[in-house]
Amino acid sequence: MAAAATARIVSVAGSSTVASSSCLLLKAPSALKHGRNALSFNNGRRLSKRLFSCNAIYNPQVQIKHEGQPETLDYRVFFEDTSGKKISPWHDIPLHLGDGVFNFIVEIPKESSAKMEVATDEPYTPIKQDTKKSKLRYYPYNINWNYGLLPQTWEDPSLANSEVDGAFGDNDPVDVVEIGETRRKIGEILKVKPLAALAMIDEGELDWKIVAISLDDPRASLVNDVDDVEKHFPGTLTAIRDWFRDYKIPDGKPANKFGLGNKAANKEYALKVITETNESWAKLVKRSIPAGDL
């Protein structure tokens, strides 16, 4: 039986380019010579010790196509360019927009409980509802923030983080908790600025949670770092940590743990996490490290 399909068109967070996954990391001798700790993207903005080179396709808009019915095993949310060609929200949506702004892709709208995620092991990595033993997965209660991923990032499962109890990456893109007031839609692409980072350890795996806010939120101009979040969104960081600590307990599993002193790290640290996981992703798409089932 053919799956029902609908499509809508969204702008790619103010960016005129959707980068392809044909990317290379190149050494940048001049940056190293002058001691600069930065990664140079196509726009010349520096974020690490390497040059980042991507072939790009020009697509100011992305179409979101729903196949199947929500809350069924065959439901998928695909991303297409304006010619109708499928693209990957994980690999083909650009990460960096300049001036500390990043693209964020919504997987789970706030005040919902269906556990949606990018299918990293399927062609074009559509968004689908997670399953366990062929049954759809739900959180035991609604998540209170928009939740999703940073494209072109990857938490390397072969890389131990010495700053977070030696935990290895969870083999997924980096997660984002967007604290703005608006309930977003699955597949929506937002411009966000990172504010903090929580180092969640889930069954021994490091699963970063970047706390961010969409630039179109009314309070976005008020928050620029972790202390601002506590000032203008009092209790939010504790609520996020406690939510992710406890959500598995109703299923009989132990509480998740957190590194870095059980506290949210500041914006600078969040940017460090984004840079490092972007570099890991670039190695992944180069196949310079094993891709496994991805």
Protein backbone atom coordinates (compact mmCIF):
# COMPACT_ATOMS: atom_id res chain seq x y z
CA MET A 1 0.00 0.00 0.00
CA ALA A 2 1.48 3.35 -1.01
CA ALA A 3 2.26 5.70 1.87
CA ALA A 4 0.52 9.04 2.00
CA ALA A 5 2.84 11.97 1.41
CA THR A 6 2.63 15.68 1.96
CA ALA A 7 5.26 18.35 1.47
CA ARG A 8 5.97 21.83 2.70
CA ILE A 9 8.82 24.22 1.95
CA VAL A 10 10.95 25.86 4.63
CA SER A 11 13.85 28.25 4.47
CA VAL A 12 17.18 26.90 5.65
CA ALA A 13 17.60 29.18 8.63
CA GLY A 14 18.51 32.23 6.62
CA SER A 15 21.32 30.49 4.77
CA SER A 16 21.47 30.42 0.98
CA THR A 17 23.54 27.26 0.84
CA VAL A 18 22.93 23.64 1.68
CA ALA A 19 26.36 22.05 1.85
CA SER A 20 26.85 18.62 0.37
CA SER A 21 28.51 15.87 2.36
CA SER A 22 31.60 15.92 0.13
CA CYS A 23 33.82 17.53 2.73
CA LEU A 24 37.51 17.46 3.55
CA LEU A 25 39.63 18.56 6.47
CA LEU A 26 42.87 20.22 5.39
CA LYS A 27 45.79 21.37 7.48
CA ALA A 28 46.18 25.09 7.84
CA PRO A 29 49.90 25.82 8.33
CA SER A 30 49.47 29.58 8.54
CA ALA A 31 46.92 29.23 11.34
CA LEU A 32 49.19 26.87 13.26
CA LYS A 33 52.21 29.08 12.71
CA HIS A 34 50.48 32.02 14.31
CA GLY A 35 49.04 29.93 17.12
CA ARG A 36 45.43 30.44 16.08
CA ASN A 37 43.01 27.84 17.44
CA ALA A 38 40.36 28.10 14.75
CA LEU A 39 38.57 26.17 12.04
CA SER A 40 38.19 28.02 8.73
CA PHE A 41 34.89 27.42 6.98
CA ASN A 42 34.01 28.47 3.40
CA ASN A 43 33.10 31.91 4.68
CA GLY A 44 36.53 32.33 6.25
CA ARG A 45 35.32 32.21 9.85
CA ARG A 46 37.84 30.35 12.00
CA LEU A 47 36.89 27.70 14.56
CA SER A 48 39.75 25.15 14.88
CA LYS A 49 43.24 24.27 13.74
CA ARG A 50 42.13 23.02 10.33
CA LEU A 51 40.64 24.25 7.14
CA PHE A 52 37.18 22.90 6.36
CA SER A 53 36.40 22.53 2.67
CA CYS A 54 32.99 21.51 1.34
CA ASN A 55 31.53 21.36 -2.12
CA ALA A 56 28.17 23.12 -1.90
CA ILE A 57 24.92 23.08 -3.82
CA TYR A 58 22.91 26.27 -4.00
CA ASN A 59 19.50 25.73 -2.45
CA PRO A 60 17.89 28.60 -0.53
CA GLN A 61 14.94 26.41 0.43
CA VAL A 62 14.34 22.87 1.59
CA GLN A 63 11.15 20.90 1.17
CA ILE A 64 9.92 18.77 4.04
CA LYS A 65 8.05 15.69 2.84
CA HIS A 66 6.00 13.49 5.17
CA GLU A 67 5.58 9.87 4.13
CA GLY A 68 3.21 7.56 5.97
CA GLN A 69 1.02 8.46 8.94
CA PRO A 70 2.43 9.91 12.19
CA GLU A 71 2.85 7.44 15.03
CA THR A 72 3.19 4.45 12.69
CA LEU A 73 6.24 2.32 11.92
CA ASP A 74 6.46 3.56 8.32
CA TYR A 75 6.25 7.30 9.09
CA ARG A 76 9.21 9.26 7.76
CA VAL A 77 10.00 12.96 7.38
CA PHE A 78 12.28 13.44 4.38
CA PHE A 79 14.17 16.56 3.33
CA GLU A 80 14.39 17.53 -0.35
CA ASP A 81 15.95 20.33 -2.33
CA THR A 82 13.69 22.43 -4.55
CA SER A 83 14.26 20.08 -7.49
CA GLY A 84 12.77 17.23 -5.46
CA LYS A 85 16.07 15.49 -4.80
CA LYS A 86 16.31 13.97 -1.35
CA ILE A 87 19.02 15.32 0.92
CA SER A 88 20.14 14.36 4.39
CA PRO A 89 19.21 16.67 7.29
CA TRP A 90 22.27 15.35 9.11
CA HIS A 91 24.85 15.60 6.33
CA ASP A 92 23.56 18.18 3.84
CA ILE A 93 22.20 21.00 6.02
CA PRO A 94 25.09 23.34 6.91
CA LEU A 95 26.06 23.61 10.56
CA HIS A 96 27.67 27.02 10.80
CA LEU A 97 26.01 30.29 9.78
CA GLY A 98 28.62 32.70 11.15
CA ASP A 99 28.65 35.04 14.16
CA GLY A 100 28.13 32.16 16.58
CA VAL A 101 24.86 31.09 14.96
CA PHE A 102 24.08 27.51 13.97
CA ASN A 103 21.37 25.56 12.21
CA PHE A 104 19.21 23.41 14.47
CA ILE A 105 16.81 20.76 13.15
CA VAL A 106 13.75 20.00 15.27
CA GLU A 107 13.08 16.32 15.82
CA ILE A 108 10.72 16.55 18.82
CA PRO A 109 8.44 19.57 19.35
CA LYS A 110 8.06 20.77 22.91
CA GLU A 111 5.11 19.38 24.89
CA SER A 112 5.11 16.10 22.96
CA SER A 113 6.27 12.60 23.89
CA ALA A 114 6.83 10.63 20.65
CA LYS A 115 10.56 9.84 20.53
CA MET A 116 11.44 11.12 17.06
CA GLU A 117 15.01 10.99 15.74
CA VAL A 118 17.10 11.13 12.59
CA ALA A 119 17.50 7.60 11.25
CA THR A 120 21.29 7.60 10.93
CA ASP A 121 21.31 4.08 9.45
CA GLU A 122 18.81 4.77 6.63
CA PRO A 123 19.43 6.40 3.23
CA TYR A 124 19.01 10.20 3.40
CA THR A 125 18.65 9.93 7.23
CA PRO A 126 14.96 10.90 7.47
CA ILE A 127 13.32 11.66 10.80
CA LYS A 128 11.31 8.73 12.16
CA GLN A 129 9.89 7.57 15.47
CA ASP A 130 12.33 5.41 17.40
CA THR A 131 11.39 1.80 18.07
CA LYS A 132 12.27 -0.94 20.52
CA LYS A 133 11.34 -4.55 19.76
CA SER A 134 9.33 -3.26 16.77
CA LYS A 135 7.20 -1.03 18.99
CA LEU A 136 7.09 2.76 18.79
CA ARG A 137 8.88 4.53 21.61
CA TYR A 138 7.47 7.37 23.70
CA TYR A 139 8.88 9.34 26.58
CA PRO A 140 6.96 8.64 29.82
CA TYR A 141 5.97 12.31 29.89
CA ASN A 142 6.16 15.29 27.55
CA ILE A 143 9.45 17.00 26.91
CA ASN A 144 9.22 20.66 27.86
CA TRP A 145 11.52 22.10 25.19
CA ASN A 146 12.07 21.75 21.46
CA TYR A 147 14.58 18.98 20.95
CA GLY A 148 16.68 17.99 17.98
CA LEU A 149 20.14 17.94 16.45
CA LEU A 150 23.00 20.01 15.15
CA PRO A 151 23.70 18.92 11.55
CA GLN A 152 27.22 17.94 10.53
CA THR A 153 28.18 16.85 14.05
CA TRP A 154 28.92 13.36 15.35
CA GLU A 155 29.81 11.94 18.74
CA ASP A 156 32.55 9.46 17.86
CA PRO A 157 32.02 6.13 19.70
CA SER A 158 35.73 5.33 19.42
CA LEU A 159 36.79 8.58 21.12
CA ALA A 160 37.05 8.69 24.93
CA ASN A 161 36.55 12.11 26.52
CA SER A 162 39.09 12.55 29.32
CA GLU A 163 37.14 15.52 30.71
CA VAL A 164 33.94 13.48 31.12
CA ASP A 165 34.94 10.31 32.95
CA GLY A 166 36.54 8.84 29.84
CA ALA A 167 33.09 8.24 28.31
CA PHE A 168 32.89 7.39 24.60
CA GLY A 169 30.59 9.17 22.13
CA ASP A 170 27.09 7.80 21.55
CA ASN A 171 27.42 7.48 17.73
CA ASP A 172 24.80 10.17 17.03
CA PRO A 173 24.69 13.85 16.05
CA VAL A 174 24.86 16.34 18.92
CA ASP A 175 21.53 17.00 20.63
CA VAL A 176 20.08 20.46 21.18
CA VAL A 177 17.54 21.58 23.78
CA GLU A 178 15.97 24.80 22.47
CA ILE A 179 14.41 26.79 25.32
CA GLY A 180 12.36 29.35 23.35
CA GLU A 181 8.67 29.87 24.01
CA THR A 182 7.32 28.69 20.63
CA ARG A 183 6.37 25.08 19.99
CA ARG A 184 8.07 24.13 16.73
CA LYS A 185 7.33 21.48 14.08
CA ILE A 186 9.13 18.26 13.20
CA GLY A 187 11.74 19.04 10.54
CA GLU A 188 11.73 22.80 11.16
CA ILE A 189 15.17 24.39 10.77
CA LEU A 190 15.99 27.19 13.18
CA LYS A 191 18.85 29.62 13.61
CA VAL A 192 20.07 29.19 17.19
CA LYS A 193 22.84 30.42 19.42
CA PRO A 194 24.35 28.01 21.98
CA LEU A 195 24.24 29.06 25.62
CA ALA A 196 25.43 26.08 27.65
CA ALA A 197 26.31 22.38 27.51
CA LEU A 198 25.34 19.43 29.70
CA ALA A 199 27.51 16.31 29.59
CA MET A 200 24.96 13.51 29.99
CA ILE A 201 26.32 10.00 30.45
CA ASP A 202 23.76 7.44 29.28
CA GLU A 203 24.74 3.85 30.11
CA GLY A 204 28.40 4.83 29.86
CA GLU A 205 28.04 6.79 26.60
CA LEU A 206 28.61 10.53 26.36
CA ASP A 207 25.49 12.25 25.02
CA TRP A 208 25.98 16.02 24.90
CA LYS A 209 22.98 18.31 25.36
CA ILE A 210 23.60 21.79 23.95
CA VAL A 211 21.22 24.33 25.47
CA ALA A 212 20.35 26.98 22.88
CA ILE A 213 17.73 29.52 21.91
CA SER A 214 16.24 30.40 18.55
CA LEU A 215 17.17 33.87 17.35
CA ASP A 216 13.51 34.71 16.70
CA ASP A 217 12.52 34.15 20.33
CA PRO A 218 11.46 37.38 22.12
CA ARG A 219 14.08 36.86 24.84
CA ALA A 220 16.93 35.75 22.57
CA SER A 221 18.75 39.10 22.84
CA LEU A 222 18.80 38.80 26.64
CA VAL A 223 20.68 35.52 26.84
CA ASN A 224 24.22 35.01 25.61
CA ASP A 225 25.79 32.63 28.13
CA VAL A 226 24.98 30.17 30.88
CA ASP A 227 24.50 32.82 33.59
CA ASP A 228 21.98 34.67 31.43
CA VAL A 229 19.90 31.51 31.17
CA GLU A 230 19.60 31.31 34.93
CA LYS A 231 18.75 35.01 35.11
CA HIS A 232 16.07 35.15 32.41
CA PHE A 233 14.93 31.49 32.43
CA PRO A 234 15.31 30.71 36.16
CA GLY A 235 15.36 27.03 36.98
CA THR A 236 15.52 25.94 33.35
CA LEU A 237 19.00 24.42 33.39
CA THR A 238 18.18 22.40 36.50
CA ALA A 239 14.87 21.32 34.95
CA ILE A 240 16.62 20.16 31.75
CA ARG A 241 19.24 18.21 33.69
CA ASP A 242 16.62 16.60 35.94
CA TRP A 243 14.36 15.71 33.00
CA PHE A 244 17.13 13.90 31.14
CA ARG A 245 18.43 12.37 34.37
CA ASP A 246 15.08 10.81 35.27
CA TYR A 247 13.16 10.03 32.07
CA LYS A 248 14.23 6.37 31.96
CA ILE A 249 13.35 5.64 35.58
CA PRO A 250 9.64 4.87 34.89
CA ASP A 251 10.87 2.06 32.59
CA GLY A 252 12.84 0.52 35.42
CA LYS A 253 16.24 1.81 34.28
CA PRO A 254 18.73 3.72 36.43
CA ALA A 255 18.96 7.48 36.30
CA ASN A 256 21.36 8.99 33.80
CA LYS A 257 24.48 10.69 35.12
CA PHE A 258 26.22 13.94 34.22
CA GLY A 259 29.86 14.87 34.00
CA LEU A 260 31.55 18.25 34.51
CA GLY A 261 30.50 18.41 38.15
CA ASN A 262 26.84 17.78 37.36
CA LYS A 263 26.57 21.38 36.14
CA ALA A 264 25.97 23.12 32.82
CA ALA A 265 29.17 24.34 31.16
CA ASN A 266 29.30 27.81 29.65
CA LYS A 267 28.92 28.95 26.06
CA GLU A 268 32.65 28.74 25.33
CA TYR A 269 32.64 25.10 26.32
CA ALA A 270 29.51 24.45 24.24
CA LEU A 271 31.26 25.92 21.20
CA LYS A 272 34.25 23.67 21.90
CA VAL A 273 31.96 20.64 21.88
CA ILE A 274 30.39 21.74 18.60
CA THR A 275 33.77 22.28 16.97
CA GLU A 276 35.15 18.91 18.06
CA THR A 277 32.06 16.96 17.00
CA ASN A 278 31.98 18.79 13.66
CA GLU A 279 35.55 17.66 13.06
CA SER A 280 34.58 14.09 13.98
CA TRP A 281 31.69 14.27 11.50
CA ALA A 282 34.05 15.48 8.77
CA LYS A 283 36.29 12.47 9.38
CA LEU A 284 33.26 10.22 9.27
CA VAL A 285 32.08 11.43 5.86
CA LYS A 286 35.65 11.22 4.57
CA ARG A 287 35.61 7.58 5.74
CA SER A 288 38.90 8.20 7.52
CA ILE A 289 37.30 6.45 10.51
CA PRO A 290 34.87 3.48 10.43
CA ALA A 291 31.25 4.36 9.69
CA GLY A 292 29.75 1.07 10.92
CA ASP A 293 26.01 0.95 10.17
CA LEU A 294 25.75 4.70 9.58
